[in-house]
N, C-alpha and C. Protein backbone atom coordinates (compact mmCIF):
# COMPACT_ATOMS: atom_id res chain seq x y z
N UNK A 1 -17.29 105.21 31.72
CA UNK A 1 -18.35 105.54 32.31
C UNK A 1 -18.21 106.74 33.17
N UNK A 2 -19.25 107.66 32.83
CA UNK A 2 -19.35 108.79 34.01
C UNK A 2 -19.59 108.52 35.47
N UNK A 3 -19.54 109.63 36.34
CA UNK A 3 -19.96 109.40 37.68
C UNK A 3 -21.69 108.96 37.77
N UNK A 4 -22.41 109.49 36.92
CA UNK A 4 -23.71 109.39 37.02
C UNK A 4 -24.06 107.78 36.41
N UNK A 5 -23.65 107.57 35.32
CA UNK A 5 -23.80 105.92 35.18
C UNK A 5 -23.02 105.21 36.40
N UNK A 6 -21.94 105.53 36.73
CA UNK A 6 -21.53 104.69 37.74
C UNK A 6 -22.60 104.62 39.03
N UNK A 7 -22.98 105.78 39.45
CA UNK A 7 -23.91 105.69 40.49
C UNK A 7 -25.14 104.92 40.32
N UNK A 8 -25.85 104.90 39.05
CA UNK A 8 -26.87 104.23 38.57
C UNK A 8 -26.77 102.81 38.56
N UNK A 9 -25.57 102.32 38.27
CA UNK A 9 -24.94 100.83 38.20
C UNK A 9 -24.69 100.49 39.73
N UNK A 10 -24.49 101.21 40.80
CA UNK A 10 -24.12 101.02 41.90
C UNK A 10 -25.81 100.88 42.63
N UNK A 11 -26.52 101.80 42.29
CA UNK A 11 -28.01 101.80 42.67
C UNK A 11 -28.47 100.29 42.41
N UNK A 12 -28.69 99.85 40.95
CA UNK A 12 -28.88 98.80 40.57
C UNK A 12 -28.45 97.43 41.35
N UNK A 13 -27.04 97.65 41.84
CA UNK A 13 -26.43 96.59 42.55
C UNK A 13 -27.21 96.32 43.84
N UNK A 14 -27.29 97.53 44.57
CA UNK A 14 -27.83 97.59 45.93
C UNK A 14 -29.09 97.19 45.86
N UNK A 15 -30.09 97.51 44.96
CA UNK A 15 -31.32 97.13 44.97
C UNK A 15 -31.62 95.72 44.37
N UNK A 16 -30.68 95.00 43.77
CA UNK A 16 -30.85 94.05 42.95
C UNK A 16 -32.05 92.70 43.64
N UNK A 17 -32.06 92.87 45.18
CA UNK A 17 -32.87 91.78 45.84
C UNK A 17 -34.46 92.26 45.83
N UNK A 18 -34.38 93.56 45.31
CA UNK A 18 -35.87 93.96 45.37
C UNK A 18 -36.68 93.65 44.02
N UNK A 19 -37.86 93.51 44.05
CA UNK A 19 -38.70 93.11 42.68
C UNK A 19 -38.53 94.36 41.66
N UNK A 20 -39.17 94.23 40.78
CA UNK A 20 -38.88 95.46 39.78
C UNK A 20 -40.00 96.50 40.18
N UNK A 21 -41.06 96.05 40.67
CA UNK A 21 -42.28 97.17 41.03
C UNK A 21 -42.50 96.78 42.44
N UNK A 22 -42.13 98.12 43.19
CA UNK A 22 -42.29 97.77 44.29
C UNK A 22 -43.73 98.76 45.08
N UNK A 23 -43.99 98.50 46.09
CA UNK A 23 -45.29 99.25 46.90
C UNK A 23 -44.31 100.53 47.65
N UNK A 24 -45.24 101.12 48.58
CA UNK A 24 -44.79 102.30 49.35
C UNK A 24 -44.02 101.59 50.41
N UNK A 25 -44.32 100.55 51.04
CA UNK A 25 -43.80 99.88 52.44
C UNK A 25 -42.30 99.42 52.02
N UNK A 26 -42.23 98.98 50.90
CA UNK A 26 -40.94 98.46 50.44
C UNK A 26 -40.10 99.75 49.79
N UNK A 27 -40.68 100.55 49.47
CA UNK A 27 -39.79 101.84 48.97
C UNK A 27 -39.29 102.26 50.52
N UNK A 28 -40.07 102.31 51.34
CA UNK A 28 -39.66 103.00 52.72
C UNK A 28 -38.38 102.05 53.25
N UNK A 29 -38.44 100.63 52.87
CA UNK A 29 -37.23 99.77 53.12
C UNK A 29 -35.93 100.21 52.55
N UNK A 30 -36.26 100.42 51.10
CA UNK A 30 -35.03 101.04 50.51
C UNK A 30 -34.53 102.25 50.59
N UNK A 31 -35.50 103.17 51.17
CA UNK A 31 -34.90 104.50 51.23
C UNK A 31 -35.41 104.81 52.95
N UNK A 32 -34.49 104.08 53.72
CA UNK A 32 -35.18 104.27 55.21
C UNK A 32 -35.09 105.55 55.97
N UNK A 33 -34.08 106.34 55.57
CA UNK A 33 -33.95 107.78 55.77
C UNK A 33 -35.26 108.86 55.53
N UNK A 34 -36.07 108.37 54.65
CA UNK A 34 -37.09 109.08 54.28
C UNK A 34 -38.51 108.41 54.94
N UNK A 35 -39.39 109.46 55.51
CA UNK A 35 -40.47 109.04 55.86
C UNK A 35 -41.73 108.89 55.11
N UNK A 36 -42.51 108.26 55.58
CA UNK A 36 -43.62 107.79 54.73
C UNK A 36 -44.49 109.20 54.07
N UNK A 37 -44.52 110.15 55.18
CA UNK A 37 -45.28 111.39 54.60
C UNK A 37 -44.33 111.99 53.42
N UNK A 38 -43.17 112.12 53.48
CA UNK A 38 -42.27 112.52 52.30
C UNK A 38 -42.23 111.69 51.22
N UNK A 39 -42.34 110.33 51.32
CA UNK A 39 -42.56 109.51 50.26
C UNK A 39 -43.84 109.49 49.53
N UNK A 40 -45.09 109.97 50.06
CA UNK A 40 -46.24 109.97 49.52
C UNK A 40 -46.22 111.39 48.75
N UNK A 41 -45.43 112.30 49.34
CA UNK A 41 -45.28 113.55 48.63
C UNK A 41 -44.65 113.50 47.38
N UNK A 42 -43.43 112.73 47.43
CA UNK A 42 -42.45 112.53 46.39
C UNK A 42 -43.24 111.95 45.20
N UNK A 43 -44.28 110.92 45.56
CA UNK A 43 -44.86 110.18 44.56
C UNK A 43 -45.97 111.19 44.06
N UNK A 44 -46.88 111.76 44.78
CA UNK A 44 -47.84 112.80 44.46
C UNK A 44 -47.45 113.77 43.42
N UNK A 45 -46.20 114.24 43.65
CA UNK A 45 -45.28 115.58 42.86
C UNK A 45 -44.72 114.90 41.96
N UNK A 46 -44.53 113.38 41.71
CA UNK A 46 -44.11 112.84 40.64
C UNK A 46 -42.70 113.18 40.52
N UNK A 47 -41.95 113.13 41.62
CA UNK A 47 -40.79 113.31 41.89
C UNK A 47 -40.15 111.83 41.74
N UNK A 48 -40.93 110.69 42.01
CA UNK A 48 -40.66 109.43 41.95
C UNK A 48 -42.10 108.94 41.18
N UNK A 49 -41.65 108.62 39.93
CA UNK A 49 -42.51 108.18 38.95
C UNK A 49 -43.62 106.54 39.43
N UNK A 50 -44.78 106.62 39.53
CA UNK A 50 -45.60 105.77 39.66
C UNK A 50 -46.84 105.63 39.21
N UNK A 51 -47.31 104.45 39.48
CA UNK A 51 -48.87 104.33 39.11
C UNK A 51 -49.75 103.95 39.88
N UNK A 52 -50.70 104.85 40.23
CA UNK A 52 -51.58 104.48 41.38
C UNK A 52 -52.74 103.60 40.69
N UNK A 53 -53.00 102.72 41.55
CA UNK A 53 -54.20 101.74 41.34
C UNK A 53 -54.98 101.57 42.48
N UNK A 54 -56.14 102.26 42.63
CA UNK A 54 -57.04 102.21 43.83
C UNK A 54 -56.15 102.91 44.82
N UNK A 55 -55.99 102.26 45.99
CA UNK A 55 -55.23 103.19 47.14
C UNK A 55 -53.62 102.98 47.01
N UNK A 56 -53.37 101.71 46.22
CA UNK A 56 -51.90 101.74 46.37
C UNK A 56 -51.12 102.30 45.12
N UNK A 57 -50.06 102.50 45.64
CA UNK A 57 -48.90 103.19 44.35
C UNK A 57 -47.98 102.02 43.99
N UNK A 58 -47.95 101.78 42.98
CA UNK A 58 -46.83 100.79 42.09
C UNK A 58 -45.64 101.57 41.66
N UNK A 59 -44.38 101.44 42.42
CA UNK A 59 -43.52 102.37 41.92
C UNK A 59 -42.20 101.24 41.15
N UNK A 60 -42.06 101.65 39.84
CA UNK A 60 -40.83 100.94 39.26
C UNK A 60 -39.66 101.14 40.15
N UNK A 61 -38.88 100.25 39.99
CA UNK A 61 -37.56 100.23 40.65
C UNK A 61 -36.55 101.18 39.78
N UNK A 62 -36.63 101.15 38.69
CA UNK A 62 -36.02 102.11 37.77
C UNK A 62 -36.27 103.81 38.01
N UNK A 63 -37.58 104.00 38.57
CA UNK A 63 -37.93 105.35 38.92
C UNK A 63 -37.32 105.87 40.18
N UNK A 64 -37.27 104.71 41.06
CA UNK A 64 -36.43 105.05 42.52
C UNK A 64 -34.88 105.35 42.02
N UNK A 65 -34.26 104.65 41.03
CA UNK A 65 -32.87 104.74 40.92
C UNK A 65 -32.65 106.14 40.06
N UNK A 66 -33.51 106.42 39.20
CA UNK A 66 -33.57 107.64 38.71
C UNK A 66 -33.53 108.96 39.57
N UNK A 67 -34.55 108.78 40.60
CA UNK A 67 -34.75 109.85 41.38
C UNK A 67 -33.24 109.96 42.47
N UNK A 68 -32.62 108.85 42.43
CA UNK A 68 -31.65 108.97 43.40
C UNK A 68 -30.34 109.51 42.56
N UNK A 69 -30.28 109.25 41.35
CA UNK A 69 -28.99 109.75 40.74
C UNK A 69 -29.21 111.10 39.61
N UNK A 70 -30.40 111.61 40.07
CA UNK A 70 -30.50 113.01 39.20
C UNK A 70 -30.14 114.09 39.84
N UNK A 71 -29.67 115.23 39.34
CA UNK A 71 -28.85 116.02 39.87
C UNK A 71 -30.17 117.15 39.99
């Protein structure tokens, strides 16, 4: 395994207790160093892929992991 694959596996492990799809408040728990305004900016700019339904964003956990492990 390369470093990127190891990091992805590590992220899957630390986020194992979270559901496969989360909302913004849960994403804030997962990434506590990032403020809500920055989270909304990342979602709107599609840095973290999500689906917006009404006023809520639904974020697949794999999108968060991919964001954290990309170079």
